[in-house]
């Protein structure tokens, strides 16, 4: 009977060790993907900043149109 309990404990420890290794691999992959995403966002922000500084009028027009639509949506009332 004790042998059965000992085998169960050993199997549980082996299972826990395998899951720990798996979780560490998943965490490492998540950190790698997060770092890659941060680099891409930084690169995109730098590109957008450079383009807006070189030619600001399309950005200003885009913001104005966006605000116009937002104001239209927020200002419309349901008139029954």
PDB file of N, CA and C in Angstrom:
ATOM      1  N   UNK A   1       0.813  -1.186   0.000  1.00  0.00           N
ATOM      2  CA  UNK A   1       0.000   0.000   0.000  1.00  0.00           C
ATOM      3  C   UNK A   1       0.865   1.262   0.000  1.00  0.00           C
ATOM      4  N   UNK A   2       1.933   1.251   0.796  1.00  0.00           N
ATOM      5  CA  UNK A   2       2.806   2.421   0.839  1.00  0.00           C
ATOM      6  C   UNK A   2       3.518   2.606  -0.502  1.00  0.00           C
ATOM      7  N   UNK A   3       3.793   1.488  -1.191  1.00  0.00           N
ATOM      8  CA  UNK A   3       4.463   1.561  -2.475  1.00  0.00           C
ATOM      9  C   UNK A   3       3.586   2.295  -3.491  1.00  0.00           C
ATOM     10  N   UNK A   4       2.294   2.032  -3.443  1.00  0.00           N
ATOM     11  CA  UNK A   4       1.352   2.707  -4.329  1.00  0.00           C
ATOM     12  C   UNK A   4       1.322   4.212  -4.052  1.00  0.00           C
ATOM     13  N   UNK A   5       1.337   4.597  -2.784  1.00  0.00           N
ATOM     14  CA  UNK A   5       1.371   6.008  -2.414  1.00  0.00           C
ATOM     15  C   UNK A   5       2.660   6.664  -2.845  1.00  0.00           C
ATOM     16  N   UNK A   6       3.775   5.934  -2.734  1.00  0.00           N
ATOM     17  CA  UNK A   6       5.080   6.472  -3.127  1.00  0.00           C
ATOM     18  C   UNK A   6       5.133   6.682  -4.633  1.00  0.00           C
ATOM     19  N   UNK A   7       4.566   5.748  -5.396  1.00  0.00           N
ATOM     20  CA  UNK A   7       4.532   5.883  -6.849  1.00  0.00           C
ATOM     21  C   UNK A   7       3.664   7.081  -7.250  1.00  0.00           C
ATOM     22  N   UNK A   8       2.561   7.264  -6.558  1.00  0.00           N
ATOM     23  CA  UNK A   8       1.680   8.388  -6.859  1.00  0.00           C
ATOM     24  C   UNK A   8       2.378   9.715  -6.592  1.00  0.00           C
ATOM     25  N   UNK A   9       3.114   9.787  -5.506  1.00  0.00           N
ATOM     26  CA  UNK A   9       3.851  11.005  -5.179  1.00  0.00           C
ATOM     27  C   UNK A   9       4.920  11.260  -6.226  1.00  0.00           C
ATOM     28  N   UNK A  10       5.622  10.215  -6.642  1.00  0.00           N
ATOM     29  CA  UNK A  10       6.675  10.372  -7.660  1.00  0.00           C
ATOM     30  C   UNK A  10       6.083  10.831  -8.982  1.00  0.00           C
ATOM     31  N   UNK A  11       4.936  10.256  -9.367  1.00  0.00           N
ATOM     32  CA  UNK A  11       4.283  10.672 -10.610  1.00  0.00           C
ATOM     33  C   UNK A  11       3.809  12.124 -10.518  1.00  0.00           C
ATOM     34  N   UNK A  12       3.299  12.503  -9.371  1.00  0.00           N
ATOM     35  CA  UNK A  12       2.849  13.884  -9.180  1.00  0.00           C
ATOM     36  C   UNK A  12       4.031  14.853  -9.260  1.00  0.00           C
ATOM     37  N   UNK A  13       5.160  14.488  -8.675  1.00  0.00           N
ATOM     38  CA  UNK A  13       6.352  15.337  -8.732  1.00  0.00           C
ATOM     39  C   UNK A  13       6.865  15.445 -10.168  1.00  0.00           C
ATOM     40  N   UNK A  14       6.854  14.335 -10.889  1.00  0.00           N
ATOM     41  CA  UNK A  14       7.299  14.353 -12.288  1.00  0.00           C
ATOM     42  C   UNK A  14       6.377  15.242 -13.124  1.00  0.00           C
ATOM     43  N   UNK A  15       5.073  15.111 -12.898  1.00  0.00           N
ATOM     44  CA  UNK A  15       4.099  15.934 -13.612  1.00  0.00           C
ATOM     45  C   UNK A  15       4.318  17.416 -13.305  1.00  0.00           C
ATOM     46  N   UNK A  16       4.551  17.737 -12.054  1.00  0.00           N
ATOM     47  CA  UNK A  16       4.781  19.129 -11.643  1.00  0.00           C
ATOM     48  C   UNK A  16       6.051  19.671 -12.279  1.00  0.00           C
ATOM     49  N   UNK A  17       7.104  18.851 -12.328  1.00  0.00           N
ATOM     50  CA  UNK A  17       8.366  19.290 -12.940  1.00  0.00           C
ATOM     51  C   UNK A  17       8.192  19.541 -14.432  1.00  0.00           C
ATOM     52  N   UNK A  18       7.447  18.678 -15.118  1.00  0.00           N
ATOM     53  CA  UNK A  18       7.209  18.868 -16.549  1.00  0.00           C
ATOM     54  C   UNK A  18       6.403  20.139 -16.787  1.00  0.00           C
ATOM     55  N   UNK A  19       5.400  20.377 -15.945  1.00  0.00           N
ATOM     56  CA  UNK A  19       4.595  21.587 -16.098  1.00  0.00           C
ATOM     57  C   UNK A  19       5.407  22.842 -15.804  1.00  0.00           C
ATOM     58  N   UNK A  20       6.312  22.757 -14.835  1.00  0.00           N
ATOM     59  CA  UNK A  20       7.161  23.904 -14.518  1.00  0.00           C
ATOM     60  C   UNK A  20       8.038  24.253 -15.709  1.00  0.00           C
ATOM     61  N   UNK A  21       8.614  23.239 -16.344  1.00  0.00           N
ATOM     62  CA  UNK A  21       9.447  23.473 -17.523  1.00  0.00           C
ATOM     63  C   UNK A  21       8.602  24.074 -18.638  1.00  0.00           C
ATOM     64  N   UNK A  22       7.402  23.541 -18.823  1.00  0.00           N
ATOM     65  CA  UNK A  22       6.506  24.040 -19.853  1.00  0.00           C
ATOM     66  C   UNK A  22       6.114  25.488 -19.585  1.00  0.00           C
ATOM     67  N   UNK A  23       5.800  25.802 -18.344  1.00  0.00           N
ATOM     68  CA  UNK A  23       5.421  27.173 -17.996  1.00  0.00           C
ATOM     69  C   UNK A  23       6.581  28.143 -18.175  1.00  0.00           C
ATOM     70  N   UNK A  24       7.788  27.693 -17.851  1.00  0.00           N
ATOM     71  CA  UNK A  24       8.956  28.558 -18.052  1.00  0.00           C
ATOM     72  C   UNK A  24       9.166  28.835 -19.535  1.00  0.00           C
ATOM     73  N   UNK A  25       8.964  27.825 -20.379  1.00  0.00           N
ATOM     74  CA  UNK A  25       9.106  28.018 -21.820  1.00  0.00           C
ATOM     75  C   UNK A  25       8.043  28.976 -22.339  1.00  0.00           C
ATOM     76  N   UNK A  26       6.824  28.834 -21.846  1.00  0.00           N
ATOM     77  CA  UNK A  26       5.740  29.721 -22.270  1.00  0.00           C
ATOM     78  C   UNK A  26       6.025  31.158 -21.826  1.00  0.00           C
ATOM     79  N   UNK A  27       6.515  31.324 -20.612  1.00  0.00           N
ATOM     80  CA  UNK A  27       6.834  32.663 -20.109  1.00  0.00           C
ATOM     81  C   UNK A  27       7.966  33.292 -20.912  1.00  0.00           C
ATOM     82  N   UNK A  28       8.973  32.506 -21.255  1.00  0.00           N
ATOM     83  CA  UNK A  28      10.094  33.028 -22.048  1.00  0.00           C
ATOM     84  C   UNK A  28       9.617  33.449 -23.433  1.00  0.00           C
ATOM     85  N   UNK A  29       8.732  32.665 -24.041  1.00  0.00           N
ATOM     86  CA  UNK A  29       8.198  33.004 -25.353  1.00  0.00           C
ATOM     87  C   UNK A  29       7.337  34.271 -25.276  1.00  0.00           C
ATOM     88  N   UNK A  30       6.558  34.395 -24.222  1.00  0.00           N
ATOM     89  CA  UNK A  30       5.731  35.593 -24.043  1.00  0.00           C
ATOM     90  C   UNK A  30       6.599  36.840 -23.875  1.00  0.00           C
ATOM     91  N   UNK A  31       7.683  36.725 -23.120  1.00  0.00           N
ATOM     92  CA  UNK A  31       8.591  37.859 -22.946  1.00  0.00           C
ATOM     93  C   UNK A  31       9.248  38.233 -24.265  1.00  0.00           C
ATOM     94  N   UNK A  32       9.612  37.221 -25.067  1.00  0.00           N
ATOM     95  CA  UNK A  32      10.238  37.491 -26.369  1.00  0.00           C
ATOM     96  C   UNK A  32       9.252  38.219 -27.283  1.00  0.00           C
ATOM     97  N   UNK A  33       8.000  37.755 -27.294  1.00  0.00           N
ATOM     98  CA  UNK A  33       6.993  38.400 -28.135  1.00  0.00           C
ATOM     99  C   UNK A  33       6.681  39.809 -27.661  1.00  0.00           C
ATOM    100  N   UNK A  34       6.656  40.023 -26.352  1.00  0.00           N
ATOM    101  CA  UNK A  34       6.413  41.358 -25.807  1.00  0.00           C
ATOM    102  C   UNK A  34       7.531  42.314 -26.206  1.00  0.00           C
ATOM    103  N   UNK A  35       8.761  41.849 -26.117  1.00  0.00           N
ATOM    104  CA  UNK A  35       9.896  42.693 -26.502  1.00  0.00           C
ATOM    105  C   UNK A  35       9.827  43.041 -27.982  1.00  0.00           C
ATOM    106  N   UNK A  36       9.469  42.061 -28.818  1.00  0.00           N
ATOM    107  CA  UNK A  36       9.335  42.307 -30.247  1.00  0.00           C
ATOM    108  C   UNK A  36       8.225  43.322 -30.519  1.00  0.00           C
ATOM    109  N   UNK A  37       7.097  43.178 -29.822  1.00  0.00           N
ATOM    110  CA  UNK A  37       5.988  44.116 -30.002  1.00  0.00           C
ATOM    111  C   UNK A  37       6.391  45.528 -29.569  1.00  0.00           C
ATOM    112  N   UNK A  38       7.122  45.640 -28.470  1.00  0.00           N
ATOM    113  CA  UNK A  38       7.575  46.951 -27.998  1.00  0.00           C
ATOM    114  C   UNK A  38       8.502  47.595 -29.024  1.00  0.00           C
ATOM    115  N   UNK A  39       9.377  46.809 -29.626  1.00  0.00           N
ATOM    116  CA  UNK A  39      10.282  47.345 -30.649  1.00  0.00           C
ATOM    117  C   UNK A  39       9.501  47.821 -31.866  1.00  0.00           C
ATOM    118  N   UNK A  40       8.474  47.050 -32.273  1.00  0.00           N
ATOM    119  CA  UNK A  40       7.667  47.432 -33.429  1.00  0.00           C
ATOM    120  C   UNK A  40       6.870  48.706 -33.152  1.00  0.00           C
ATOM    121  N   UNK A  41       6.310  48.821 -31.954  1.00  0.00           N
ATOM    122  CA  UNK A  41       5.546  50.015 -31.599  1.00  0.00           C
ATOM    123  C   UNK A  41       6.462  51.238 -31.568  1.00  0.00           C
ATOM    124  N   UNK A  42       7.651  51.072 -31.004  1.00  0.00           N
ATOM    125  CA  UNK A  42       8.615  52.174 -30.959  1.00  0.00           C
ATOM    126  C   UNK A  42       9.002  52.607 -32.367  1.00  0.00           C
ATOM    127  N   UNK A  43       9.242  51.634 -33.242  1.00  0.00           N
ATOM    128  CA  UNK A  43       9.608  51.947 -34.623  1.00  0.00           C
ATOM    129  C   UNK A  43       8.459  52.656 -35.342  1.00  0.00           C
ATOM    130  N   UNK A  44       7.236  52.192 -35.127  1.00  0.00           N
ATOM    131  CA  UNK A  44       6.072  52.822 -35.748  1.00  0.00           C
ATOM    132  C   UNK A  44       5.882  54.246 -35.235  1.00  0.00           C
ATOM    133  N   UNK A  45       6.036  54.437 -33.942  1.00  0.00           N
ATOM    134  CA  UNK A  45       5.886  55.778 -33.366  1.00  0.00           C
ATOM    135  C   UNK A  45       6.943  56.727 -33.913  1.00  0.00           C
ATOM    136  N   UNK A  46       8.148  56.247 -34.063  1.00  0.00           N
ATOM    137  CA  UNK A  46       9.226  57.071 -34.617  1.00  0.00           C
ATOM    138  C   UNK A  46       8.920  57.458 -36.056  1.00  0.00           C
ATOM    139  N   UNK A  47       8.419  56.513 -36.839  1.00  0.00           N
ATOM    140  CA  UNK A  47       8.075  56.785 -38.240  1.00  0.00           C
ATOM    141  C   UNK A  47       6.942  57.795 -38.341  1.00  0.00           C
ATOM    142  N   UNK A  48       5.898  57.607 -37.536  1.00  0.00           N
ATOM    143  CA  UNK A  48       4.764  58.539 -37.568  1.00  0.00           C
ATOM    144  C   UNK A  48       5.211  59.931 -37.129  1.00  0.00           C
ATOM    145  N   UNK A  49       6.019  60.006 -36.085  1.00  0.00           N
ATOM    146  CA  UNK A  49       6.513  61.300 -35.603  1.00  0.00           C
ATOM    147  C   UNK A  49       7.297  62.016 -36.691  1.00  0.00           C
ATOM    148  N   UNK A  50       8.138  61.272 -37.378  1.00  0.00           N
ATOM    149  CA  UNK A  50       8.957  61.862 -38.442  1.00  0.00           C
ATOM    150  C   UNK A  50       8.073  62.367 -39.584  1.00  0.00           C
ATOM    151  N   UNK A  51       7.063  61.581 -39.975  1.00  0.00           N
ATOM    152  CA  UNK A  51       6.181  61.991 -41.062  1.00  0.00           C
ATOM    153  C   UNK A  51       5.347  63.211 -40.690  1.00  0.00           C
ATOM    154  N   UNK A  52       4.861  63.262 -39.457  1.00  0.00           N
ATOM    155  CA  UNK A  52       4.053  64.405 -39.029  1.00  0.00           C
ATOM    156  C   UNK A  52       4.906  65.665 -38.954  1.00  0.00           C
ATOM    157  N   UNK A  53       6.141  65.537 -38.522  1.00  0.00           N
ATOM    158  CA  UNK A  53       7.018  66.711 -38.459  1.00  0.00           C
ATOM    159  C   UNK A  53       7.366  67.219 -39.848  1.00  0.00           C
ATOM    160  N   UNK A  54       7.503  66.298 -40.815  1.00  0.00           N
ATOM    161  CA  UNK A  54       7.832  66.707 -42.181  1.00  0.00           C
ATOM    162  C   UNK A  54       6.641  67.333 -42.887  1.00  0.00           C
ATOM    163  N   UNK A  55       5.438  66.812 -42.646  1.00  0.00           N
ATOM    164  CA  UNK A  55       4.249  67.311 -43.321  1.00  0.00           C
ATOM    165  C   UNK A  55       3.066  67.226 -42.354  1.00  0.00           C
ATOM    166  N   UNK A  56       2.842  68.278 -41.553  1.00  0.00           N
ATOM    167  CA  UNK A  56       1.812  68.197 -40.508  1.00  0.00           C
ATOM    168  C   UNK A  56       0.371  68.342 -40.993  1.00  0.00           C
ATOM    169  N   UNK A  57       0.144  68.906 -42.174  1.00  0.00           N
ATOM    170  CA  UNK A  57      -1.218  69.221 -42.587  1.00  0.00           C
ATOM    171  C   UNK A  57      -2.127  68.005 -42.750  1.00  0.00           C
ATOM    172  N   UNK A  58      -1.668  66.888 -43.302  1.00  0.00           N
ATOM    173  CA  UNK A  58      -2.565  65.715 -43.347  1.00  0.00           C
ATOM    174  C   UNK A  58      -2.958  65.228 -41.948  1.00  0.00           C
ATOM    175  N   UNK A  59      -2.053  65.322 -41.001  1.00  0.00           N
ATOM    176  CA  UNK A  59      -2.371  64.915 -39.630  1.00  0.00           C
ATOM    177  C   UNK A  59      -3.387  65.859 -39.013  1.00  0.00           C
ATOM    178  N   UNK A  60      -3.219  67.145 -39.245  1.00  0.00           N
ATOM    179  CA  UNK A  60      -4.157  68.138 -38.717  1.00  0.00           C
ATOM    180  C   UNK A  60      -5.541  67.923 -39.330  1.00  0.00           C
ATOM    181  N   UNK A  61      -5.579  67.672 -40.637  1.00  0.00           N
ATOM    182  CA  UNK A  61      -6.857  67.434 -41.310  1.00  0.00           C
ATOM    183  C   UNK A  61      -7.512  66.153 -40.782  1.00  0.00           C
ATOM    184  N   UNK A  62      -6.728  65.124 -40.553  1.00  0.00           N
ATOM    185  CA  UNK A  62      -7.270  63.868 -40.022  1.00  0.00           C
ATOM    186  C   UNK A  62      -7.877  64.051 -38.646  1.00  0.00           C
ATOM    187  N   UNK A  63      -7.196  64.809 -37.808  1.00  0.00           N
ATOM    188  CA  UNK A  63      -7.718  65.070 -36.466  1.00  0.00           C
ATOM    189  C   UNK A  63      -8.995  65.903 -36.554  1.00  0.00           C
ATOM    190  N   UNK A  64      -9.021  66.884 -37.448  1.00  0.00           N
ATOM    191  CA  UNK A  64     -10.208  67.730 -37.592  1.00  0.00           C
ATOM    192  C   UNK A  64     -11.405  66.908 -38.068  1.00  0.00           C
ATOM    193  N   UNK A  65     -11.193  66.036 -39.039  1.00  0.00           N
ATOM    194  CA  UNK A  65     -12.285  65.199 -39.543  1.00  0.00           C
ATOM    195  C   UNK A  65     -12.757  64.248 -38.447  1.00  0.00           C
ATOM    196  N   UNK A  66     -11.819  63.662 -37.720  1.00  0.00           N
ATOM    197  CA  UNK A  66     -12.180  62.763 -36.624  1.00  0.00           C
ATOM    198  C   UNK A  66     -13.005  63.475 -35.567  1.00  0.00           C
ATOM    199  N   UNK A  67     -12.610  64.680 -35.214  1.00  0.00           N
ATOM    200  CA  UNK A  67     -13.361  65.458 -34.221  1.00  0.00           C
ATOM    201  C   UNK A  67     -14.736  65.840 -34.752  1.00  0.00           C
ATOM    202  N   UNK A  68     -14.829  66.139 -36.031  1.00  0.00           N
ATOM    203  CA  UNK A  68     -16.115  66.475 -36.639  1.00  0.00           C
ATOM    204  C   UNK A  68     -17.071  65.287 -36.545  1.00  0.00           C
ATOM    205  N   UNK A  69     -16.597  64.112 -36.916  1.00  0.00           N
ATOM    206  CA  UNK A  69     -17.437  62.911 -36.825  1.00  0.00           C
ATOM    207  C   UNK A  69     -17.805  62.592 -35.386  1.00  0.00           C
ATOM    208  N   UNK A  70     -16.857  62.716 -34.490  1.00  0.00           N
ATOM    209  CA  UNK A  70     -17.135  62.453 -33.077  1.00  0.00           C
ATOM    210  C   UNK A  70     -18.179  63.435 -32.548  1.00  0.00           C
ATOM    211  N   UNK A  71     -18.051  64.696 -32.901  1.00  0.00           N
ATOM    212  CA  UNK A  71     -19.034  65.693 -32.485  1.00  0.00           C
ATOM    213  C   UNK A  71     -20.400  65.418 -33.072  1.00  0.00           C
ATOM    214  N   UNK A  72     -20.427  64.973 -34.321  1.00  0.00           N
ATOM    215  CA  UNK A  72     -21.700  64.642 -34.954  1.00  0.00           C
ATOM    216  C   UNK A  72     -22.367  63.474 -34.245  1.00  0.00           C
ATOM    217  N   UNK A  73     -21.592  62.436 -33.934  1.00  0.00           N
ATOM    218  CA  UNK A  73     -22.129  61.262 -33.261  1.00  0.00           C
ATOM    219  C   UNK A  73     -22.600  61.594 -31.854  1.00  0.00           C
ATOM    220  N   UNK A  74     -21.802  62.340 -31.115  1.00  0.00           N
ATOM    221  CA  UNK A  74     -22.169  62.693 -29.750  1.00  0.00           C
ATOM    222  C   UNK A  74     -23.300  63.710 -29.702  1.00  0.00           C
ATOM    223  N   UNK A  75     -23.390  64.551 -30.712  1.00  0.00           N
ATOM    224  CA  UNK A  75     -24.406  65.597 -30.707  1.00  0.00           C
ATOM    225  C   UNK A  75     -25.745  65.142 -31.220  1.00  0.00           C
ATOM    226  N   UNK A  76     -25.764  64.022 -31.938  1.00  0.00           N
ATOM    227  CA  UNK A  76     -27.054  63.559 -32.461  1.00  0.00           C
ATOM    228  C   UNK A  76     -27.896  62.994 -31.328  1.00  0.00           C
ATOM    229  N   UNK A  77     -29.175  63.335 -31.380  1.00  0.00           N
ATOM    230  CA  UNK A  77     -30.102  62.865 -30.355  1.00  0.00           C
ATOM    231  C   UNK A  77     -31.192  62.047 -31.024  1.00  0.00           C
ATOM    232  N   UNK A  78     -31.699  61.106 -30.287  1.00  0.00           N
ATOM    233  CA  UNK A  78     -32.785  60.283 -30.792  1.00  0.00           C
ATOM    234  C   UNK A  78     -34.085  61.072 -30.678  1.00  0.00           C
ATOM    235  N   UNK A  79     -34.573  61.559 -31.809  1.00  0.00           N
ATOM    236  CA  UNK A  79     -35.793  62.382 -31.808  1.00  0.00           C
ATOM    237  C   UNK A  79     -36.943  61.536 -32.304  1.00  0.00           C
ATOM    238  N   UNK A  80     -37.817  61.149 -31.408  1.00  0.00           N
ATOM    239  CA  UNK A  80     -38.980  60.340 -31.759  1.00  0.00           C
ATOM    240  C   UNK A  80     -40.233  61.162 -31.783  1.00  0.00           C
TER     241      UNK A  80
END
